[in-house]
Amino acid sequence: MYITVPFNLGKIKVVNQTAWFEYVMHNGSLNLVLIFGFLTFCVVSVVLLLFNGVIIGYMVAHAAKYGMFLKFFFLLAPHGIAEIPAMLLASSISFTTLSYLRKQLRQRQKISFKYLSLNVFKYSVIVAILTLIAGIIESNVTINISS
């Protein structure tokens, strides 16, 4: 995509200090959308994951072209270690839920909402913890690396 739309975005930097709570709320709301993406047959989850991949890929290409790859990597890596797995786990909750529901309906078996809600809750807690860690790292570490 970067080859077809090669905008010069300028230097990669963090423009302003953002509180960890704002990062957690932003990424947490996206993760909630990903978790409940099964309600749209995972279409929303797939679209959000693809969009996120396109944006990151575009930024990697831009950073590589203008010799800022290492800076981009060091800006993304600290919080990305927790944020990206949180997004992937949130979307996998959605995919697993849809798969379970589909399997139970196809085999005409009873849907165990207790089993389903326990699994969704258990993995959602992990997503929340990872999102919290990523938000704290992003607000405290990324700003220091950028300057």
C-alpha atoms as a PDB file:
ATOM      1  CA  MET A   1       0.000   0.000   0.000  1.00  0.00           C
ATOM      2  CA  TYR A   2       2.862   2.370   0.760  1.00  0.00           C
ATOM      3  CA  ILE A   3       4.147   1.969  -2.795  1.00  0.00           C
ATOM      4  CA  THR A   4       0.820   3.112  -4.264  1.00  0.00           C
ATOM      5  CA  VAL A   5       0.176   5.927  -1.747  1.00  0.00           C
ATOM      6  CA  PRO A   6       3.643   7.152  -0.662  1.00  0.00           C
ATOM      7  CA  PHE A   7       2.923  10.170   1.537  1.00  0.00           C
ATOM      8  CA  ASN A   8       5.849  11.660   3.412  1.00  0.00           C
ATOM      9  CA  LEU A   9       4.520  11.680   6.957  1.00  0.00           C
ATOM     10  CA  GLY A  10       7.560  13.478   8.302  1.00  0.00           C
ATOM     11  CA  LYS A  11       9.594  12.395  11.297  1.00  0.00           C
ATOM     12  CA  ILE A  12       8.161   9.732  13.565  1.00  0.00           C
ATOM     13  CA  LYS A  13       7.649  11.174  17.024  1.00  0.00           C
ATOM     14  CA  VAL A  14       5.188  11.285  19.876  1.00  0.00           C
ATOM     15  CA  VAL A  15       3.571  14.695  19.780  1.00  0.00           C
ATOM     16  CA  ASN A  16       2.119  14.992  23.254  1.00  0.00           C
ATOM     17  CA  GLN A  17       1.998  13.280  26.616  1.00  0.00           C
ATOM     18  CA  THR A  18      -1.141  11.194  27.064  1.00  0.00           C
ATOM     19  CA  ALA A  19      -2.266   9.714  30.374  1.00  0.00           C
ATOM     20  CA  TRP A  20      -2.148   5.936  30.702  1.00  0.00           C
ATOM     21  CA  PHE A  21      -5.879   5.915  31.443  1.00  0.00           C
ATOM     22  CA  GLU A  22      -6.652   7.388  28.013  1.00  0.00           C
ATOM     23  CA  TYR A  23      -4.614   4.672  26.286  1.00  0.00           C
ATOM     24  CA  VAL A  24      -6.345   2.000  28.357  1.00  0.00           C
ATOM     25  CA  MET A  25      -9.802   3.412  27.566  1.00  0.00           C
ATOM     26  CA  HIS A  26      -9.063   3.708  23.838  1.00  0.00           C
ATOM     27  CA  ASN A  27      -7.488   0.280  23.441  1.00  0.00           C
ATOM     28  CA  GLY A  28      -9.925  -1.264  25.913  1.00  0.00           C
ATOM     29  CA  SER A  29     -12.906  -0.082  23.881  1.00  0.00           C
ATOM     30  CA  LEU A  30     -11.347  -1.494  20.710  1.00  0.00           C
ATOM     31  CA  ASN A  31     -10.718  -4.779  22.497  1.00  0.00           C
ATOM     32  CA  LEU A  32     -14.355  -4.875  23.652  1.00  0.00           C
ATOM     33  CA  VAL A  33     -15.458  -4.437  20.054  1.00  0.00           C
ATOM     34  CA  LEU A  34     -13.106  -7.269  19.078  1.00  0.00           C
ATOM     35  CA  ILE A  35     -14.395  -9.542  21.865  1.00  0.00           C
ATOM     36  CA  PHE A  36     -18.026  -9.018  20.904  1.00  0.00           C
ATOM     37  CA  GLY A  37     -17.246  -9.190  17.195  1.00  0.00           C
ATOM     38  CA  PHE A  38     -18.904 -12.621  17.111  1.00  0.00           C
ATOM     39  CA  LEU A  39     -22.226 -10.755  17.111  1.00  0.00           C
ATOM     40  CA  THR A  40     -21.374  -9.619  13.574  1.00  0.00           C
ATOM     41  CA  PHE A  41     -20.078 -13.077  12.612  1.00  0.00           C
ATOM     42  CA  CYS A  42     -16.546 -11.756  13.257  1.00  0.00           C
ATOM     43  CA  VAL A  43     -16.717  -9.317  10.338  1.00  0.00           C
ATOM     44  CA  VAL A  44     -15.926  -6.375  12.631  1.00  0.00           C
ATOM     45  CA  SER A  45     -13.037  -8.289  14.227  1.00  0.00           C
ATOM     46  CA  VAL A  46     -11.512  -9.124  10.859  1.00  0.00           C
ATOM     47  CA  VAL A  47     -11.903  -5.546   9.602  1.00  0.00           C
ATOM     48  CA  LEU A  48     -10.291  -4.056  12.730  1.00  0.00           C
ATOM     49  CA  LEU A  49      -7.386  -6.507  12.594  1.00  0.00           C
ATOM     50  CA  LEU A  50      -6.832  -5.832   8.900  1.00  0.00           C
ATOM     51  CA  PHE A  51      -7.027  -2.067   9.438  1.00  0.00           C
ATOM     52  CA  ASN A  52      -4.529  -2.260  12.292  1.00  0.00           C
ATOM     53  CA  GLY A  53      -2.203  -4.394  10.159  1.00  0.00           C
ATOM     54  CA  VAL A  54      -2.421  -1.961   7.243  1.00  0.00           C
ATOM     55  CA  ILE A  55      -1.616   1.014   9.477  1.00  0.00           C
ATOM     56  CA  ILE A  56       1.348  -0.723  11.117  1.00  0.00           C
ATOM     57  CA  GLY A  57       2.590  -1.977   7.745  1.00  0.00           C
ATOM     58  CA  TYR A  58       2.285   1.495   6.253  1.00  0.00           C
ATOM     59  CA  MET A  59       4.237   2.992   9.137  1.00  0.00           C
ATOM     60  CA  VAL A  60       6.949   0.304   8.882  1.00  0.00           C
ATOM     61  CA  ALA A  61       7.355   1.039   5.162  1.00  0.00           C
ATOM     62  CA  HIS A  62       7.481   4.796   5.818  1.00  0.00           C
ATOM     63  CA  ALA A  63      10.007   4.363   8.610  1.00  0.00           C
ATOM     64  CA  ALA A  64      12.172   2.083   6.471  1.00  0.00           C
ATOM     65  CA  LYS A  65      12.104   4.450   3.502  1.00  0.00           C
ATOM     66  CA  TYR A  66      13.199   7.467   5.561  1.00  0.00           C
ATOM     67  CA  GLY A  67      15.742   5.672   7.752  1.00  0.00           C
ATOM     68  CA  MET A  68      13.644   5.720  10.893  1.00  0.00           C
ATOM     69  CA  PHE A  69      12.959   1.999  11.236  1.00  0.00           C
ATOM     70  CA  LEU A  70      14.883   1.581  14.492  1.00  0.00           C
ATOM     71  CA  LYS A  71      13.157   4.580  16.053  1.00  0.00           C
ATOM     72  CA  PHE A  72       9.766   3.255  14.945  1.00  0.00           C
ATOM     73  CA  PHE A  73      10.622  -0.166  16.334  1.00  0.00           C
ATOM     74  CA  PHE A  74      11.707   1.268  19.688  1.00  0.00           C
ATOM     75  CA  LEU A  75       8.559   3.402  19.865  1.00  0.00           C
ATOM     76  CA  LEU A  76       6.275   0.456  19.068  1.00  0.00           C
ATOM     77  CA  ALA A  77       8.025  -2.458  20.761  1.00  0.00           C
ATOM     78  CA  PRO A  78       7.721  -1.589  24.473  1.00  0.00           C
ATOM     79  CA  HIS A  79       3.937  -1.259  24.572  1.00  0.00           C
ATOM     80  CA  GLY A  80       3.359  -3.408  21.487  1.00  0.00           C
ATOM     81  CA  ILE A  81       4.612  -6.445  23.385  1.00  0.00           C
ATOM     82  CA  ALA A  82       1.429  -6.279  25.479  1.00  0.00           C
ATOM     83  CA  GLU A  83      -0.960  -4.379  23.183  1.00  0.00           C
ATOM     84  CA  ILE A  84      -0.716  -6.572  20.080  1.00  0.00           C
ATOM     85  CA  PRO A  85      -1.224  -9.880  21.945  1.00  0.00           C
ATOM     86  CA  ALA A  86      -4.170  -8.268  23.770  1.00  0.00           C
ATOM     87  CA  MET A  87      -5.798  -7.403  20.444  1.00  0.00           C
ATOM     88  CA  LEU A  88      -5.107 -10.849  19.024  1.00  0.00           C
ATOM     89  CA  LEU A  89      -6.459 -12.548  22.152  1.00  0.00           C
ATOM     90  CA  ALA A  90      -9.552 -10.326  22.109  1.00  0.00           C
ATOM     91  CA  SER A  91     -10.263 -11.267  18.512  1.00  0.00           C
ATOM     92  CA  SER A  92      -9.593 -14.933  19.217  1.00  0.00           C
ATOM     93  CA  ILE A  93     -12.242 -14.790  21.953  1.00  0.00           C
ATOM     94  CA  SER A  94     -14.670 -13.649  19.287  1.00  0.00           C
ATOM     95  CA  PHE A  95     -13.598 -16.314  16.782  1.00  0.00           C
ATOM     96  CA  THR A  96     -13.725 -19.062  19.430  1.00  0.00           C
ATOM     97  CA  THR A  97     -17.156 -17.971  20.622  1.00  0.00           C
ATOM     98  CA  LEU A  98     -18.531 -17.971  17.093  1.00  0.00           C
ATOM     99  CA  SER A  99     -16.938 -21.363  16.418  1.00  0.00           C
ATOM    100  CA  TYR A 100     -18.443 -22.839  19.592  1.00  0.00           C
ATOM    101  CA  LEU A 101     -21.911 -21.471  18.846  1.00  0.00           C
ATOM    102  CA  ARG A 102     -21.753 -22.699  15.263  1.00  0.00           C
ATOM    103  CA  LYS A 103     -20.639 -26.174  16.348  1.00  0.00           C
ATOM    104  CA  GLN A 104     -23.360 -26.473  18.978  1.00  0.00           C
ATOM    105  CA  LEU A 105     -26.070 -25.288  16.577  1.00  0.00           C
ATOM    106  CA  ARG A 106     -24.915 -27.587  13.770  1.00  0.00           C
ATOM    107  CA  GLN A 107     -24.882 -30.611  16.034  1.00  0.00           C
ATOM    108  CA  ARG A 108     -28.162 -29.483  17.616  1.00  0.00           C
ATOM    109  CA  GLN A 109     -26.632 -29.606  21.055  1.00  0.00           C
ATOM    110  CA  LYS A 110     -27.443 -27.422  24.001  1.00  0.00           C
ATOM    111  CA  ILE A 111     -25.396 -24.230  24.252  1.00  0.00           C
ATOM    112  CA  SER A 112     -23.748 -23.969  27.658  1.00  0.00           C
ATOM    113  CA  PHE A 113     -23.870 -20.261  28.422  1.00  0.00           C
ATOM    114  CA  LYS A 114     -22.092 -20.919  31.709  1.00  0.00           C
ATOM    115  CA  TYR A 115     -19.150 -22.496  29.858  1.00  0.00           C
ATOM    116  CA  LEU A 116     -19.201 -19.783  27.222  1.00  0.00           C
ATOM    117  CA  SER A 117     -19.380 -16.856  29.642  1.00  0.00           C
ATOM    118  CA  LEU A 118     -16.697 -18.358  31.895  1.00  0.00           C
ATOM    119  CA  ASN A 119     -14.286 -18.667  28.951  1.00  0.00           C
ATOM    120  CA  VAL A 120     -15.100 -15.183  27.668  1.00  0.00           C
ATOM    121  CA  PHE A 121     -14.658 -13.730  31.159  1.00  0.00           C
ATOM    122  CA  LYS A 122     -11.398 -15.579  31.852  1.00  0.00           C
ATOM    123  CA  TYR A 123      -9.710 -14.450  28.655  1.00  0.00           C
ATOM    124  CA  SER A 124     -11.208 -10.961  28.841  1.00  0.00           C
ATOM    125  CA  VAL A 125      -9.473 -10.490  32.194  1.00  0.00           C
ATOM    126  CA  ILE A 126      -6.174 -11.375  30.537  1.00  0.00           C
ATOM    127  CA  VAL A 127      -6.939  -8.903  27.726  1.00  0.00           C
ATOM    128  CA  ALA A 128      -7.725  -6.207  30.308  1.00  0.00           C
ATOM    129  CA  ILE A 129      -4.474  -6.833  32.196  1.00  0.00           C
ATOM    130  CA  LEU A 130      -2.422  -6.734  28.976  1.00  0.00           C
ATOM    131  CA  THR A 131      -4.218  -3.533  27.908  1.00  0.00           C
ATOM    132  CA  LEU A 132      -3.487  -1.932  31.276  1.00  0.00           C
ATOM    133  CA  ILE A 133       0.194  -2.888  31.064  1.00  0.00           C
ATOM    134  CA  ALA A 134       0.407  -1.568  27.490  1.00  0.00           C
ATOM    135  CA  GLY A 135      -1.253   1.730  28.483  1.00  0.00           C
ATOM    136  CA  ILE A 136       1.116   2.299  31.379  1.00  0.00           C
ATOM    137  CA  ILE A 137       4.151   1.478  29.236  1.00  0.00           C
ATOM    138  CA  GLU A 138       2.920   3.639  26.363  1.00  0.00           C
ATOM    139  CA  SER A 139       2.357   6.695  28.540  1.00  0.00           C
ATOM    140  CA  ASN A 140       5.576   6.386  30.540  1.00  0.00           C
ATOM    141  CA  VAL A 141       8.171   4.721  28.306  1.00  0.00           C
ATOM    142  CA  THR A 142       7.223   5.717  24.749  1.00  0.00           C
ATOM    143  CA  ILE A 143       7.299   9.442  25.494  1.00  0.00           C
ATOM    144  CA  ASN A 144      10.823   9.105  26.932  1.00  0.00           C
ATOM    145  CA  ILE A 145      12.073   7.164  23.911  1.00  0.00           C
ATOM    146  CA  SER A 146      10.589   9.739  21.548  1.00  0.00           C
ATOM    147  CA  SER A 147      12.360  12.710  23.106  1.00  0.00           C
END
